[in-house]
Amino acid sequence: MARHRCPEEREMSRTMAKTTVTIALCVHNEASRIQTALTSLVRQTDENWECVVVDDGSTDGTSNLVDQLKEPRIRVERWSTNVGKAFALQRAAELARGDYFLELDGDDWLAENAVEEFRQAGSDLHEEVGLLTSRYHLWRLSRRGHLNYRGVHEHTPIHLDEDFARVPMPRCFRISAIRCLGGWHWPGEPPSAKPLFEDVTMTARLLRHYQIAMLPTALYHRVLRADSVSQSHRHRYSEWFRAAQSSASEDLCVPAYEPLPYAGMRT
């Protein structure tokens, strides 16, 4: 699929001599869970990373735990009020210095080789690929607080409609693709929906212009818990999707998309 590079992509290719991964950690009241995510950062086998933490109005001292780590590659921006993950991700992308942008939830963590594998894949990719994903380890948090391991999973095929959404997880974007798309902003989308299902709209928009590539190894640890934002608002999804679909300038539906298998692709 041939495509023209936008100015942001051309400038990125000229100025970035070394592939660096920006890890975006957008958090709200994650003090009881964030330590594992932070530990996974400093244990990375590849040191070419930075982390942008956006503390989205936490009241439990979440960002104080980040400060205690005293890691110079981690920068923190604190907000006094909670405005939602879409806006936090947008700000993290604005602050990013890397050329790849990896989302990390506050209750999840990275495999020790995640940055190394995403960096290597990023240096090999065709221009058409705007997002890297991989398999992941799935954990489920019981109501008694016990983590139960559920094995290695992958979110394929990607599927979006009003009945359910299967988005790529994890998500490591080419930062130039985010900027070409205008970030997590979709004119016409109901503002009230953005904090809940920003991953759906971003996936739909990205697939209008880019491909997604799948790495074969599990590079992420995902925790499912009943009180998470996405799980606790699942009952609102169909109504949200219909409203977003009617007001958006582009179609949200993705019937079935299989990511490209990563096999050392060269530009």
Protein backbone atom coordinates (compact mmCIF):
# COMPACT_ATOMS: atom_id res chain seq x y z
CA MET A 1 0.00 0.00 0.00
CA ALA A 2 1.85 3.08 -1.22
CA ARG A 3 1.27 6.34 0.63
CA HIS A 4 2.83 9.79 0.88
CA ARG A 5 4.50 10.74 4.15
CA CYS A 6 3.11 13.79 5.91
CA PRO A 7 5.56 16.56 6.98
CA GLU A 8 5.75 15.22 10.55
CA GLU A 9 6.91 11.83 9.27
CA ARG A 10 9.54 13.34 6.97
CA GLU A 11 10.89 15.53 9.77
CA MET A 12 10.99 12.56 12.18
CA SER A 13 12.99 10.46 9.72
CA ARG A 14 15.54 13.28 9.34
CA THR A 15 16.02 14.07 13.03
CA MET A 16 15.81 10.69 14.77
CA ALA A 17 19.18 8.95 14.56
CA LYS A 18 18.24 6.28 17.12
CA THR A 19 14.86 4.67 17.73
CA THR A 20 13.65 5.56 21.23
CA VAL A 21 10.42 4.44 22.87
CA THR A 22 8.29 6.87 24.88
CA ILE A 23 6.18 4.98 27.42
CA ALA A 24 2.95 6.78 28.31
CA LEU A 25 1.64 6.09 31.80
CA CYS A 26 -1.67 7.93 32.26
CA VAL A 27 -2.95 7.32 35.76
CA HIS A 28 -5.73 8.25 38.17
CA ASN A 29 -5.60 7.00 41.77
CA GLU A 30 -3.26 4.08 41.06
CA ALA A 31 -1.10 4.32 44.20
CA SER A 32 -2.01 0.78 45.28
CA ARG A 33 -1.15 -0.72 41.88
CA ILE A 34 1.45 1.37 40.03
CA GLN A 35 4.59 -0.02 41.66
CA THR A 36 4.71 -3.11 39.44
CA ALA A 37 4.44 -0.96 36.31
CA LEU A 38 7.28 1.28 37.52
CA THR A 39 9.48 -1.68 38.41
CA SER A 40 8.98 -3.11 34.92
CA LEU A 41 10.37 0.11 33.45
CA VAL A 42 13.67 0.08 35.29
CA ARG A 43 14.14 -3.63 34.56
CA GLN A 44 14.03 -3.18 30.78
CA THR A 45 16.86 -4.91 28.91
CA ASP A 46 17.12 -1.88 26.59
CA GLU A 47 17.75 1.52 28.16
CA ASN A 48 16.58 3.57 25.15
CA TRP A 49 13.28 4.61 26.67
CA GLU A 50 11.67 7.50 28.46
CA CYS A 51 8.40 7.58 30.39
CA VAL A 52 5.85 10.39 30.49
CA VAL A 53 3.52 10.06 33.48
CA VAL A 54 0.34 12.13 33.33
CA ASP A 55 -1.29 12.11 36.76
CA ASP A 56 -4.90 12.79 35.85
CA GLY A 57 -6.16 14.36 39.07
CA SER A 58 -5.12 11.64 41.52
CA THR A 59 -5.94 12.22 45.19
CA ASP A 60 -4.08 9.22 46.64
CA GLY A 61 -0.45 10.29 46.11
CA THR A 62 0.10 8.26 42.94
CA SER A 63 2.69 10.63 41.48
CA ASN A 64 4.57 10.77 44.81
CA LEU A 65 5.45 7.09 44.30
CA VAL A 66 6.86 7.98 40.89
CA ASP A 67 8.97 10.75 42.46
CA GLN A 68 10.41 8.31 45.02
CA LEU A 69 11.86 6.25 42.20
CA LYS A 70 14.22 9.13 41.29
CA GLU A 71 14.55 7.88 37.73
CA PRO A 72 15.71 10.69 35.39
CA ARG A 73 14.08 9.09 32.35
CA ILE A 74 10.63 9.50 33.95
CA ARG A 75 8.87 12.86 33.72
CA VAL A 76 5.64 13.65 35.58
CA GLU A 77 2.90 16.11 34.75
CA ARG A 78 0.27 16.57 37.47
CA TRP A 79 -3.31 17.73 36.85
CA SER A 80 -5.50 19.07 39.65
CA THR A 81 -8.72 17.60 38.18
CA ASN A 82 -9.59 14.34 36.44
CA VAL A 83 -10.39 14.96 32.76
CA GLY A 84 -10.04 11.48 31.27
CA LYS A 85 -7.54 9.20 29.60
CA ALA A 86 -7.99 10.54 26.06
CA PHE A 87 -6.83 13.99 27.12
CA ALA A 88 -4.00 12.52 29.21
CA LEU A 89 -2.77 10.48 26.24
CA GLN A 90 -2.96 13.55 24.04
CA ARG A 91 -0.76 15.46 26.48
CA ALA A 92 1.69 12.56 26.79
CA ALA A 93 2.05 12.46 23.00
CA GLU A 94 2.72 16.20 22.95
CA LEU A 95 5.50 15.74 25.52
CA ALA A 96 6.98 12.63 23.88
CA ARG A 97 10.59 12.83 22.68
CA GLY A 98 10.76 9.31 21.27
CA ASP A 99 9.71 8.13 17.85
CA TYR A 100 7.56 5.30 19.21
CA PHE A 101 4.81 5.72 21.79
CA LEU A 102 3.89 2.75 23.99
CA GLU A 103 0.79 2.88 26.19
CA LEU A 104 1.08 1.35 29.67
CA ASP A 105 -1.83 1.22 32.10
CA GLY A 106 -1.10 1.84 35.77
CA ASP A 107 -2.19 -1.64 36.85
CA ASP A 108 -0.35 -3.48 34.03
CA TRP A 109 3.37 -4.02 33.44
CA LEU A 110 5.84 -4.65 30.63
CA ALA A 111 7.86 -7.76 29.90
CA GLU A 112 11.55 -7.04 30.52
CA ASN A 113 12.33 -7.17 26.78
CA ALA A 114 9.37 -5.05 25.63
CA VAL A 115 11.34 -1.92 24.77
CA GLU A 116 14.08 -3.95 23.09
CA GLU A 117 11.62 -5.84 20.90
CA PHE A 118 9.51 -2.81 19.98
CA ARG A 119 12.64 -0.77 19.20
CA GLN A 120 14.03 -3.45 16.92
CA ALA A 121 10.72 -3.89 15.15
CA GLY A 122 10.33 -0.12 14.79
CA SER A 123 13.65 0.16 12.99
CA ASP A 124 12.54 -2.52 10.49
CA LEU A 125 9.04 -1.36 9.62
CA HIS A 126 7.52 -0.30 6.34
CA GLU A 127 6.17 3.26 6.34
CA GLU A 128 2.62 1.89 6.05
CA VAL A 129 2.76 0.45 9.58
CA GLY A 130 1.58 2.97 12.17
CA LEU A 131 1.13 0.64 15.13
CA LEU A 132 2.94 -2.35 16.60
CA THR A 133 1.19 -4.82 18.86
CA SER A 134 2.07 -8.22 20.31
CA ARG A 135 0.72 -11.11 22.27
CA TYR A 136 0.27 -10.49 26.00
CA HIS A 137 0.04 -12.29 29.32
CA LEU A 138 -3.48 -12.09 30.74
CA TRP A 139 -4.16 -11.86 34.46
CA ARG A 140 -7.52 -11.58 36.21
CA LEU A 141 -7.89 -9.88 39.58
CA SER A 142 -10.43 -11.64 41.79
CA ARG A 143 -12.79 -9.75 44.06
CA ARG A 144 -10.61 -10.90 46.96
CA GLY A 145 -7.58 -9.25 45.41
CA HIS A 146 -5.82 -12.36 44.08
CA LEU A 147 -4.12 -12.27 40.67
CA ASN A 148 -4.89 -15.36 38.60
CA TYR A 149 -2.86 -16.08 35.47
CA ARG A 150 -4.96 -16.90 32.39
CA GLY A 151 -2.24 -17.56 29.81
CA VAL A 152 -0.93 -15.84 26.68
CA HIS A 153 -3.50 -14.05 24.50
CA GLU A 154 -3.68 -11.88 21.41
CA HIS A 155 -6.42 -9.46 20.37
CA THR A 156 -6.94 -10.63 16.81
CA PRO A 157 -8.72 -10.21 14.58
CA ILE A 158 -9.36 -6.57 15.40
CA HIS A 159 -13.09 -5.95 15.26
CA LEU A 160 -15.19 -2.84 15.91
CA ASP A 161 -18.96 -2.51 15.72
CA GLU A 162 -21.80 -1.51 18.02
CA ASP A 163 -21.99 -4.93 19.67
CA PHE A 164 -18.37 -5.26 20.81
CA ALA A 165 -14.84 -4.00 20.28
CA ARG A 166 -11.59 -5.93 20.04
CA VAL A 167 -8.77 -3.41 19.85
CA PRO A 168 -5.04 -4.15 19.65
CA MET A 169 -3.35 -4.67 23.00
CA PRO A 170 -0.60 -3.61 23.69
CA ARG A 171 -0.34 -0.50 21.51
CA CYS A 172 3.01 0.89 20.41
CA PHE A 173 2.37 3.71 17.92
CA ARG A 174 4.70 5.36 15.49
CA ILE A 175 4.66 8.86 17.03
CA SER A 176 4.55 10.50 13.61
CA ALA A 177 1.33 8.56 12.86
CA ILE A 178 -0.28 9.92 16.03
CA ARG A 179 0.63 13.46 15.04
CA CYS A 180 -0.52 13.01 11.45
CA LEU A 181 -3.90 11.84 12.76
CA GLY A 182 -4.17 14.78 15.16
CA GLY A 183 -3.80 12.65 18.27
CA TRP A 184 -6.74 11.54 20.39
CA HIS A 185 -9.03 14.22 18.99
CA TRP A 186 -11.84 13.39 16.61
CA PRO A 187 -13.95 16.37 15.54
CA GLY A 188 -17.63 15.58 16.00
CA GLU A 189 -17.11 12.83 18.57
CA PRO A 190 -19.20 13.32 21.73
CA PRO A 191 -16.76 14.78 24.32
CA SER A 192 -18.37 12.77 27.11
CA ALA A 193 -17.38 9.53 25.36
CA LYS A 194 -13.67 10.25 24.99
CA PRO A 195 -12.52 9.21 28.47
CA LEU A 196 -14.22 5.81 28.11
CA PHE A 197 -13.48 4.37 24.67
CA GLU A 198 -10.58 6.37 23.27
CA ASP A 199 -8.89 3.14 22.17
CA VAL A 200 -11.80 2.34 19.83
CA THR A 201 -11.80 5.68 18.03
CA MET A 202 -8.02 5.76 17.71
CA THR A 203 -7.94 2.21 16.30
CA ALA A 204 -10.65 3.02 13.75
CA ARG A 205 -8.93 6.22 12.64
CA LEU A 206 -5.50 4.63 12.41
CA LEU A 207 -6.74 1.78 10.23
CA ARG A 208 -8.08 4.27 7.67
CA HIS A 209 -4.49 5.32 6.93
CA TYR A 210 -2.04 2.74 8.32
CA GLN A 211 -1.44 -0.96 8.86
CA ILE A 212 -0.87 -2.72 12.18
CA ALA A 213 1.90 -5.30 12.68
CA MET A 214 1.90 -8.11 15.25
CA LEU A 215 5.02 -9.28 17.06
CA PRO A 216 4.98 -13.00 17.90
CA THR A 217 6.19 -12.77 21.51
CA ALA A 218 4.24 -11.72 24.61
CA LEU A 219 5.59 -8.30 25.62
CA TYR A 220 2.91 -7.04 27.99
CA HIS A 221 1.13 -8.15 31.17
CA ARG A 222 -2.54 -7.14 31.19
CA VAL A 223 -4.72 -7.23 34.31
CA LEU A 224 -8.50 -7.47 34.02
CA ARG A 225 -10.36 -6.15 37.03
CA ALA A 226 -14.08 -5.56 37.44
CA ASP A 227 -13.73 -2.00 38.76
CA SER A 228 -11.60 -0.66 35.87
CA VAL A 229 -13.04 2.20 33.81
CA SER A 230 -13.51 0.09 30.69
CA GLN A 231 -15.06 -2.87 32.51
CA SER A 232 -17.38 -0.81 34.70
CA HIS A 233 -18.76 1.07 31.67
CA ARG A 234 -19.20 -1.89 29.33
CA HIS A 235 -22.98 -1.52 29.52
CA ARG A 236 -22.68 1.93 27.91
CA TYR A 237 -20.62 0.79 24.93
CA SER A 238 -23.36 0.14 22.33
CA GLU A 239 -25.09 3.44 23.05
CA TRP A 240 -21.76 5.26 22.89
CA PHE A 241 -20.82 3.59 19.60
CA ARG A 242 -24.09 4.55 17.89
CA ALA A 243 -23.73 8.17 19.06
CA ALA A 244 -20.08 8.37 17.98
CA GLN A 245 -20.85 6.74 14.64
CA SER A 246 -23.64 9.19 13.84
CA SER A 247 -21.59 12.27 14.72
CA ALA A 248 -18.18 11.25 13.36
CA SER A 249 -16.92 12.18 9.90
CA GLU A 250 -15.43 8.69 9.40
CA ASP A 251 -16.84 5.20 9.80
CA LEU A 252 -16.00 3.54 13.12
CA CYS A 253 -16.79 0.00 11.98
CA VAL A 254 -13.93 -2.43 11.38
CA PRO A 255 -15.50 -5.82 10.53
CA ALA A 256 -12.34 -7.93 10.87
CA TYR A 257 -8.71 -6.94 10.48
CA GLU A 258 -5.76 -9.29 10.84
CA PRO A 259 -2.51 -7.48 11.76
CA LEU A 260 0.46 -8.08 9.52
CA PRO A 261 2.81 -10.72 10.96
CA TYR A 262 6.12 -9.09 11.90
CA ALA A 263 9.05 -10.91 10.34
CA GLY A 264 11.90 -8.41 10.21
CA MET A 265 10.21 -6.08 7.70
CA ARG A 266 12.50 -3.54 6.10
CA THR A 267 11.51 -0.07 4.93
